[in-house]
Amino acid sequence: MNNKAVYWQRFRAYFTVFDGPLAILLFLILSTGIVTMYSAGMDFPGRLENHLRNIVVAFFVMWFVANIPPQTLMRFAIPLYTLGVALLLAVAMFGLIKKGARRWLHVGIDIQPSEIMKIGVPLMLAWYFQKREGSIRWRDFLVATVILAIPTGLIVKQPDLGTALLVGGVGFSVIFFAGLSVRLLAGLALVAAILIPTVVWPRLHDYQRDRVMVMLDPSKDALGKGFHIIQSTIAVGSGGVTGKGWTKGTQSHLEFIPEHTTDFISAVYLEEFGLLGSLFLVILYFLLIVRGLMISANAPTMFSRLMAAAVTSTFFIYSFVNMGMVVGILPVVGVPLPFMSFGGTAMLTLGMGLGILMSVQHHRKLMKS
């Protein structure tokens, strides 16, 4: 009996890693996503089933990562970052070209190495600052910028501006939470303000500049590059306060909204559930971000604090950029809505991130006890 009790305690320990508030918020967002995917995927046989499969796989990845202590995760920082950069270099040299972009490698299956860097970059930066805790100087921020710039530059070169912005934004959040001074931050903002119009803008591809110009005035090319934004804003506006009702969205079912199971799934949701539904969804993401920041603030080590902050920043950037491009205040850059958009790689990456948050919270409790 004693042996059975011991085995039960060990088995039970693997399932106590789930953070209650995070688990509830995840359940609500996933449920909302499944309901929306049912409607959005009605014209795509098997889309809902594949979405459910992606959720199941992401759940097990989340559970597995949540059981790994942050100290163990630190050991993967250098190998994962090095592997990611090596694969990005391989993509630059002999990667597959699809739709005019060289982003994939074929290794039996097609993989997109830039996705690795969404975890690899913040992991590496958190490791770097952990090693310099207590003696961080301005030179360390310079080195961290180089660590961030290498993969970001390689991703921009593919070109994949959306992923580059995500990797760059999440990496910068690690540098910021590591103690970047307000003066230095103001200096960087000034440099960015000078470089963007003089250096960055001329180097952008034509289609990237077009996305920005179309965002400012989509009517200039209403049947071309501005079509996506115009149709998504029509869908959002036609939803009104209470929405048209589940599965009754005309813009999506008449196929005016492009990519309505992936990047523009929030347009489907907003059309069918209206302003009240959008407030509900925004509150869920807001609470998810708040919970992530709370876990970060209470983390026992710099590494775990920075990783938790980076994961939380990922959720914020994904949700803000996705909703922003759907309502026309940001360019269309192909960013999924967390835990709602269809996509196995994104769901896997987000599940891994949530697992990191749960690992930080769970092992903090163990350290206290």
Protein backbone atom coordinates (compact mmCIF):
# COMPACT_ATOMS: atom_id res chain seq x y z
CA MET A 1 0.00 0.00 0.00
CA ASN A 2 2.85 2.34 0.86
CA ASN A 3 4.46 1.70 -2.53
CA LYS A 4 1.16 2.42 -4.26
CA ALA A 5 0.85 5.69 -2.34
CA VAL A 6 4.39 6.69 -3.33
CA TYR A 7 3.75 5.87 -6.99
CA TRP A 8 0.47 7.80 -6.90
CA GLN A 9 2.21 10.83 -5.41
CA ARG A 10 4.88 10.72 -8.11
CA PHE A 11 2.29 10.33 -10.86
CA ARG A 12 0.15 13.11 -9.39
CA ALA A 13 3.12 15.47 -9.21
CA TYR A 14 3.35 15.51 -13.00
CA PHE A 15 -0.18 16.94 -13.23
CA THR A 16 0.09 19.61 -10.54
CA VAL A 17 2.18 21.81 -12.82
CA PHE A 18 -0.86 23.52 -14.31
CA ASP A 19 -1.41 27.05 -13.05
CA GLY A 20 -5.11 27.47 -12.24
CA PRO A 21 -5.72 30.98 -13.64
CA LEU A 22 -3.71 30.26 -16.80
CA ALA A 23 -5.52 26.96 -17.33
CA ILE A 24 -8.96 28.61 -17.00
CA LEU A 25 -8.04 31.44 -19.39
CA LEU A 26 -6.58 28.98 -21.88
CA PHE A 27 -9.74 26.86 -21.73
CA LEU A 28 -11.94 29.90 -22.41
CA ILE A 29 -9.80 31.15 -25.31
CA LEU A 30 -9.55 27.68 -26.87
CA SER A 31 -13.31 27.17 -26.51
CA THR A 32 -13.94 30.51 -28.19
CA GLY A 33 -11.49 29.55 -30.91
CA ILE A 34 -13.11 26.16 -31.53
CA VAL A 35 -16.56 27.74 -31.82
CA THR A 36 -15.19 30.33 -34.27
CA MET A 37 -13.20 27.72 -36.24
CA TYR A 38 -16.35 25.63 -36.68
CA SER A 39 -17.96 28.57 -38.45
CA ALA A 40 -14.87 29.79 -40.31
CA GLY A 41 -13.92 26.29 -41.46
CA MET A 42 -17.32 25.20 -42.76
CA ASP A 43 -16.07 25.52 -46.34
CA PHE A 44 -12.81 23.70 -45.53
CA PRO A 45 -13.44 19.98 -44.90
CA GLY A 46 -11.28 18.63 -42.09
CA ARG A 47 -10.12 22.09 -40.92
CA LEU A 48 -11.84 21.86 -37.52
CA GLU A 49 -10.57 18.29 -36.95
CA ASN A 50 -7.01 19.36 -37.79
CA HIS A 51 -7.37 22.36 -35.48
CA LEU A 52 -8.43 20.06 -32.63
CA ARG A 53 -5.45 17.82 -33.39
CA ASN A 54 -3.12 20.81 -33.18
CA ILE A 55 -4.63 21.74 -29.81
CA VAL A 56 -4.07 18.23 -28.45
CA VAL A 57 -0.44 18.18 -29.62
CA ALA A 58 0.17 21.67 -28.20
CA PHE A 59 -1.39 20.59 -24.88
CA PHE A 60 1.06 17.71 -24.48
CA VAL A 61 3.97 19.98 -25.43
CA MET A 62 2.78 22.51 -22.84
CA TRP A 63 2.50 19.79 -20.18
CA PHE A 64 5.95 18.40 -21.04
CA VAL A 65 7.65 21.82 -20.89
CA ALA A 66 5.80 22.76 -17.70
CA ASN A 67 7.44 19.77 -15.98
CA ILE A 68 10.94 20.97 -16.92
CA PRO A 69 12.52 23.22 -14.26
CA PRO A 70 13.71 26.64 -15.52
CA GLN A 71 17.28 25.69 -14.53
CA THR A 72 17.10 22.81 -17.00
CA LEU A 73 15.64 25.03 -19.71
CA MET A 74 18.73 27.23 -19.37
CA ARG A 75 20.88 24.38 -20.67
CA PHE A 76 19.05 24.46 -24.00
CA ALA A 77 19.69 28.18 -24.58
CA ILE A 78 22.99 28.02 -26.47
CA PRO A 79 22.25 24.77 -28.42
CA LEU A 80 18.79 25.95 -29.52
CA TYR A 81 20.01 29.42 -30.52
CA THR A 82 23.01 27.99 -32.39
CA LEU A 83 20.84 25.43 -34.17
CA GLY A 84 18.33 28.13 -35.12
CA VAL A 85 20.98 30.45 -36.57
CA ALA A 86 22.60 27.54 -38.45
CA LEU A 87 19.25 26.58 -39.98
CA LEU A 88 18.56 30.20 -40.95
CA LEU A 89 21.93 30.31 -42.71
CA ALA A 90 21.02 27.05 -44.46
CA VAL A 91 17.74 28.62 -45.57
CA ALA A 92 19.63 31.62 -46.98
CA MET A 93 21.91 29.32 -48.99
CA PHE A 94 19.61 26.57 -50.27
CA GLY A 95 16.17 27.00 -48.77
CA LEU A 96 12.90 26.33 -50.60
CA ILE A 97 11.21 29.26 -52.34
CA LYS A 98 7.46 29.52 -51.97
CA LYS A 99 5.39 32.53 -53.06
CA GLY A 100 8.55 34.52 -53.69
CA ALA A 101 10.07 33.95 -50.23
CA ARG A 102 12.91 31.65 -49.19
CA ARG A 103 11.75 30.55 -45.71
CA TRP A 104 11.69 26.74 -45.66
CA LEU A 105 14.06 23.78 -45.51
CA HIS A 106 13.15 20.32 -46.73
CA VAL A 107 14.35 17.63 -44.30
CA GLY A 108 11.89 14.90 -45.17
CA ILE A 109 9.22 17.48 -44.39
CA ASP A 110 9.23 21.25 -44.95
CA ILE A 111 10.22 23.17 -41.82
CA GLN A 112 10.39 26.92 -41.15
CA PRO A 113 13.49 27.54 -38.96
CA SER A 114 12.43 31.10 -38.12
CA GLU A 115 9.75 29.61 -35.84
CA ILE A 116 12.52 28.12 -33.66
CA MET A 117 13.86 31.59 -32.94
CA LYS A 118 10.59 32.69 -31.33
CA ILE A 119 11.74 30.58 -28.38
CA GLY A 120 15.49 30.39 -29.10
CA VAL A 121 16.14 34.15 -29.06
CA PRO A 122 14.47 34.99 -25.71
CA LEU A 123 15.94 31.82 -24.20
CA MET A 124 19.45 32.88 -25.27
CA LEU A 125 19.02 36.47 -24.11
CA ALA A 126 17.61 35.39 -20.74
CA TRP A 127 20.58 33.02 -20.30
CA TYR A 128 23.02 35.82 -21.21
CA PHE A 129 21.61 38.27 -18.67
CA GLN A 130 21.34 35.56 -15.99
CA LYS A 131 25.10 34.98 -16.32
CA ARG A 132 25.70 38.72 -15.76
CA GLU A 133 23.18 39.29 -12.98
CA GLY A 134 24.34 41.98 -10.57
CA SER A 135 26.97 43.43 -12.92
CA ILE A 136 25.07 44.34 -16.09
CA ARG A 137 26.66 47.24 -17.95
CA TRP A 138 25.88 49.10 -21.15
CA ARG A 139 28.25 46.83 -23.08
CA ASP A 140 26.08 43.85 -22.13
CA PHE A 141 23.07 45.52 -23.74
CA LEU A 142 25.19 46.05 -26.86
CA VAL A 143 26.13 42.35 -26.97
CA ALA A 144 22.48 41.42 -26.40
CA THR A 145 21.50 43.62 -29.34
CA VAL A 146 23.95 41.72 -31.56
CA ILE A 147 22.53 38.38 -30.32
CA LEU A 148 19.08 39.65 -31.32
CA ALA A 149 20.14 41.30 -34.59
CA ILE A 150 21.75 38.20 -36.17
CA PRO A 151 18.62 35.99 -36.43
CA THR A 152 16.32 38.98 -36.97
CA GLY A 153 18.42 40.15 -39.91
CA LEU A 154 18.47 36.67 -41.44
CA ILE A 155 14.67 36.44 -41.14
CA VAL A 156 14.19 39.89 -42.72
CA LYS A 157 16.39 38.73 -45.62
CA GLN A 158 14.07 35.79 -46.47
CA PRO A 159 11.91 38.06 -46.55
CA ASP A 160 9.53 37.48 -43.62
CA LEU A 161 8.84 40.85 -42.04
CA GLY A 162 6.03 39.55 -39.81
CA THR A 163 8.15 36.88 -38.10
CA ALA A 164 11.11 39.29 -37.91
CA LEU A 165 8.95 41.82 -36.08
CA LEU A 166 7.76 39.13 -33.66
CA VAL A 167 11.27 37.80 -32.95
CA GLY A 168 12.65 41.34 -32.69
CA GLY A 169 9.83 42.51 -30.44
CA VAL A 170 10.07 39.56 -28.06
CA GLY A 171 13.86 39.81 -27.96
CA PHE A 172 13.69 43.52 -27.23
CA SER A 173 11.26 42.85 -24.38
CA VAL A 174 13.92 40.66 -22.73
CA ILE A 175 16.49 43.43 -23.08
CA PHE A 176 14.02 45.96 -21.67
CA PHE A 177 13.06 43.85 -18.65
CA ALA A 178 16.75 43.14 -18.01
CA GLY A 179 17.07 46.77 -16.91
CA LEU A 180 17.45 48.91 -20.02
CA SER A 181 17.63 52.50 -18.76
CA VAL A 182 15.07 55.09 -19.82
CA ARG A 183 17.84 57.31 -21.21
CA LEU A 184 19.21 54.53 -23.38
CA LEU A 185 15.69 53.61 -24.45
CA ALA A 186 15.04 57.23 -25.47
CA GLY A 187 18.32 57.24 -27.40
CA LEU A 188 17.34 54.05 -29.23
CA ALA A 189 13.95 55.55 -30.07
CA LEU A 190 15.69 58.61 -31.52
CA VAL A 191 18.05 56.44 -33.58
CA ALA A 192 15.09 54.38 -34.82
CA ALA A 193 13.22 57.55 -35.79
CA ILE A 194 16.22 58.57 -37.91
CA LEU A 195 16.99 55.17 -39.42
CA ILE A 196 13.47 54.04 -40.34
CA PRO A 197 12.81 56.70 -43.02
CA THR A 198 16.43 57.01 -44.21
CA VAL A 199 17.78 53.45 -44.05
CA VAL A 200 15.03 50.91 -43.31
CA TRP A 201 12.28 52.22 -45.61
CA PRO A 202 14.40 52.27 -48.82
CA ARG A 203 15.60 48.72 -48.11
CA LEU A 204 12.11 47.27 -47.74
CA HIS A 205 10.70 45.17 -50.57
CA ASP A 206 8.04 46.77 -52.73
CA TYR A 207 5.29 44.57 -51.30
CA GLN A 208 6.32 45.53 -47.74
CA ARG A 209 6.14 49.26 -48.53
CA ASP A 210 2.81 48.65 -50.27
CA ARG A 211 1.42 47.08 -47.09
CA VAL A 212 2.19 50.23 -45.11
CA MET A 213 0.79 52.56 -47.77
CA VAL A 214 -2.34 50.43 -48.17
CA MET A 215 -2.85 50.50 -44.40
CA LEU A 216 -2.85 54.32 -44.54
CA ASP A 217 -5.31 54.40 -47.45
CA PRO A 218 -6.68 51.01 -48.61
CA SER A 219 -9.02 52.69 -51.09
CA LYS A 220 -6.05 53.45 -53.36
CA ASP A 221 -6.06 49.80 -54.43
CA ALA A 222 -9.47 48.60 -53.28
CA LEU A 223 -9.56 45.55 -55.55
CA GLY A 224 -5.90 44.66 -55.10
CA LYS A 225 -3.61 45.14 -52.13
CA GLY A 226 -6.26 47.01 -50.11
CA PHE A 227 -8.91 44.32 -50.56
CA HIS A 228 -7.99 42.38 -47.41
CA ILE A 229 -8.18 45.37 -45.09
CA ILE A 230 -11.37 46.75 -46.63
CA GLN A 231 -13.23 43.44 -46.40
CA SER A 232 -12.09 42.73 -42.83
CA THR A 233 -13.13 46.21 -41.64
CA ILE A 234 -16.50 45.74 -43.37
CA ALA A 235 -16.91 42.47 -41.49
CA VAL A 236 -16.00 44.07 -38.16
CA GLY A 237 -18.33 47.03 -38.74
CA SER A 238 -21.25 44.90 -39.93
CA GLY A 239 -21.13 42.90 -36.69
CA GLY A 240 -22.49 45.87 -34.76
CA VAL A 241 -22.97 45.56 -31.01
CA THR A 242 -24.20 41.99 -30.72
CA GLY A 243 -23.01 40.47 -34.01
CA LYS A 244 -24.85 38.67 -36.81
CA GLY A 245 -24.92 35.40 -34.92
CA TRP A 246 -22.85 32.23 -34.93
CA THR A 247 -22.26 30.82 -38.46
CA LYS A 248 -24.24 33.75 -39.93
CA GLY A 249 -21.32 35.95 -40.94
CA THR A 250 -21.75 36.88 -44.60
CA GLN A 251 -18.26 38.27 -45.28
CA SER A 252 -16.56 35.02 -44.35
CA HIS A 253 -19.06 32.54 -45.78
CA LEU A 254 -19.24 34.41 -49.07
CA GLU A 255 -15.43 34.32 -49.03
CA PHE A 256 -14.83 38.06 -49.02
CA ILE A 257 -12.49 37.71 -46.04
CA PRO A 258 -9.17 36.14 -47.09
CA GLU A 259 -7.41 33.57 -44.90
CA HIS A 260 -10.41 33.56 -42.60
CA THR A 261 -9.32 30.45 -40.68
CA THR A 262 -5.81 31.75 -40.05
CA ASP A 263 -4.68 35.39 -39.98
CA PHE A 264 -8.17 36.88 -40.28
CA ILE A 265 -10.10 34.57 -37.97
CA SER A 266 -10.71 37.47 -35.59
CA ALA A 267 -12.66 39.21 -38.39
CA VAL A 268 -14.97 36.18 -38.52
CA TYR A 269 -15.39 36.27 -34.75
CA LEU A 270 -16.05 40.02 -34.62
CA GLU A 271 -18.62 39.85 -37.40
CA GLU A 272 -20.55 37.04 -35.73
CA PHE A 273 -20.27 38.17 -32.10
CA GLY A 274 -19.98 41.93 -32.46
CA LEU A 275 -18.68 44.52 -30.02
CA LEU A 276 -19.73 42.56 -26.94
CA GLY A 277 -17.91 39.49 -28.19
CA SER A 278 -14.79 41.53 -28.95
CA LEU A 279 -14.80 42.97 -25.42
CA PHE A 280 -15.04 39.45 -24.00
CA LEU A 281 -12.08 38.30 -26.10
CA VAL A 282 -9.97 41.37 -25.32
CA ILE A 283 -10.61 40.84 -21.59
CA LEU A 284 -9.46 37.22 -21.86
CA TYR A 285 -6.18 38.21 -23.54
CA PHE A 286 -5.72 41.09 -21.11
CA LEU A 287 -6.10 38.73 -18.13
CA LEU A 288 -3.72 36.24 -19.77
CA ILE A 289 -1.10 38.98 -20.12
CA VAL A 290 -1.66 40.23 -16.57
CA ARG A 291 -1.25 36.71 -15.20
CA GLY A 292 1.95 36.28 -17.19
CA LEU A 293 3.37 39.54 -15.81
CA MET A 294 2.46 38.46 -12.28
CA ILE A 295 4.34 35.18 -12.76
CA SER A 296 7.29 37.11 -14.15
CA ALA A 297 7.32 39.59 -11.25
CA ASN A 298 7.33 36.77 -8.66
CA ALA A 299 9.94 34.60 -10.42
CA PRO A 300 12.92 33.67 -8.17
CA THR A 301 15.73 34.10 -10.73
CA MET A 302 16.55 36.59 -13.48
CA PHE A 303 16.42 33.84 -16.12
CA SER A 304 12.92 32.69 -15.16
CA ARG A 305 11.74 36.29 -14.76
CA LEU A 306 12.97 37.28 -18.23
CA MET A 307 11.62 34.14 -19.88
CA ALA A 308 8.19 34.65 -18.32
CA ALA A 309 8.23 38.29 -19.45
CA ALA A 310 9.27 37.26 -22.98
CA VAL A 311 6.46 34.70 -23.27
CA THR A 312 3.95 37.26 -21.99
CA SER A 313 5.25 39.79 -24.53
CA THR A 314 4.71 37.17 -27.24
CA PHE A 315 1.04 36.83 -26.32
CA PHE A 316 0.67 40.63 -26.29
CA ILE A 317 2.41 41.16 -29.65
CA TYR A 318 0.49 38.33 -31.36
CA SER A 319 -2.93 39.49 -30.16
CA PHE A 320 -2.29 43.24 -30.59
CA VAL A 321 -0.83 42.93 -34.10
CA ASN A 322 -3.48 40.46 -35.28
CA MET A 323 -6.41 42.51 -34.06
CA GLY A 324 -4.72 45.72 -35.22
CA MET A 325 -4.31 44.51 -38.80
CA VAL A 326 -7.90 43.21 -38.91
CA VAL A 327 -9.34 46.62 -37.99
CA GLY A 328 -6.90 48.43 -40.28
CA ILE A 329 -4.62 50.25 -37.81
CA LEU A 330 -1.58 48.02 -38.57
CA PRO A 331 -0.19 46.57 -41.81
CA VAL A 332 -1.12 43.02 -42.81
CA VAL A 333 1.89 40.94 -41.74
CA GLY A 334 0.51 37.44 -41.29
CA VAL A 335 0.39 37.10 -37.50
CA PRO A 336 -1.99 34.49 -36.00
CA LEU A 337 -4.37 35.15 -33.13
CA PRO A 338 -3.07 33.14 -30.13
CA PHE A 339 -4.82 29.79 -29.62
CA MET A 340 -7.55 30.69 -32.13
CA SER A 341 -5.99 30.82 -35.59
CA PHE A 342 -5.42 27.60 -37.52
CA GLY A 343 -1.76 26.62 -37.74
CA GLY A 344 0.19 23.75 -36.21
CA THR A 345 3.56 25.51 -35.85
CA ALA A 346 2.12 28.61 -34.20
CA MET A 347 -0.05 26.53 -31.86
CA LEU A 348 2.98 24.43 -30.92
CA THR A 349 5.15 27.49 -30.22
CA LEU A 350 2.43 29.16 -28.13
CA GLY A 351 1.82 25.94 -26.19
CA MET A 352 5.53 25.73 -25.46
CA GLY A 353 5.48 29.34 -24.25
CA LEU A 354 2.56 28.68 -21.94
CA GLY A 355 4.40 25.63 -20.62
CA ILE A 356 7.37 27.87 -19.77
CA LEU A 357 5.08 30.19 -17.80
CA MET A 358 3.63 27.26 -15.87
CA SER A 359 7.10 25.87 -15.24
CA VAL A 360 8.26 29.17 -13.75
CA GLN A 361 5.20 29.41 -11.51
CA HIS A 362 5.22 25.76 -10.41
CA HIS A 363 8.92 25.53 -9.61
CA ARG A 364 8.80 28.85 -7.78
CA LYS A 365 6.39 27.21 -5.36
CA LEU A 366 8.71 24.22 -4.99
CA MET A 367 11.66 26.51 -4.21
CA LYS A 368 9.63 28.31 -1.54
CA SER A 369 8.57 25.08 0.12
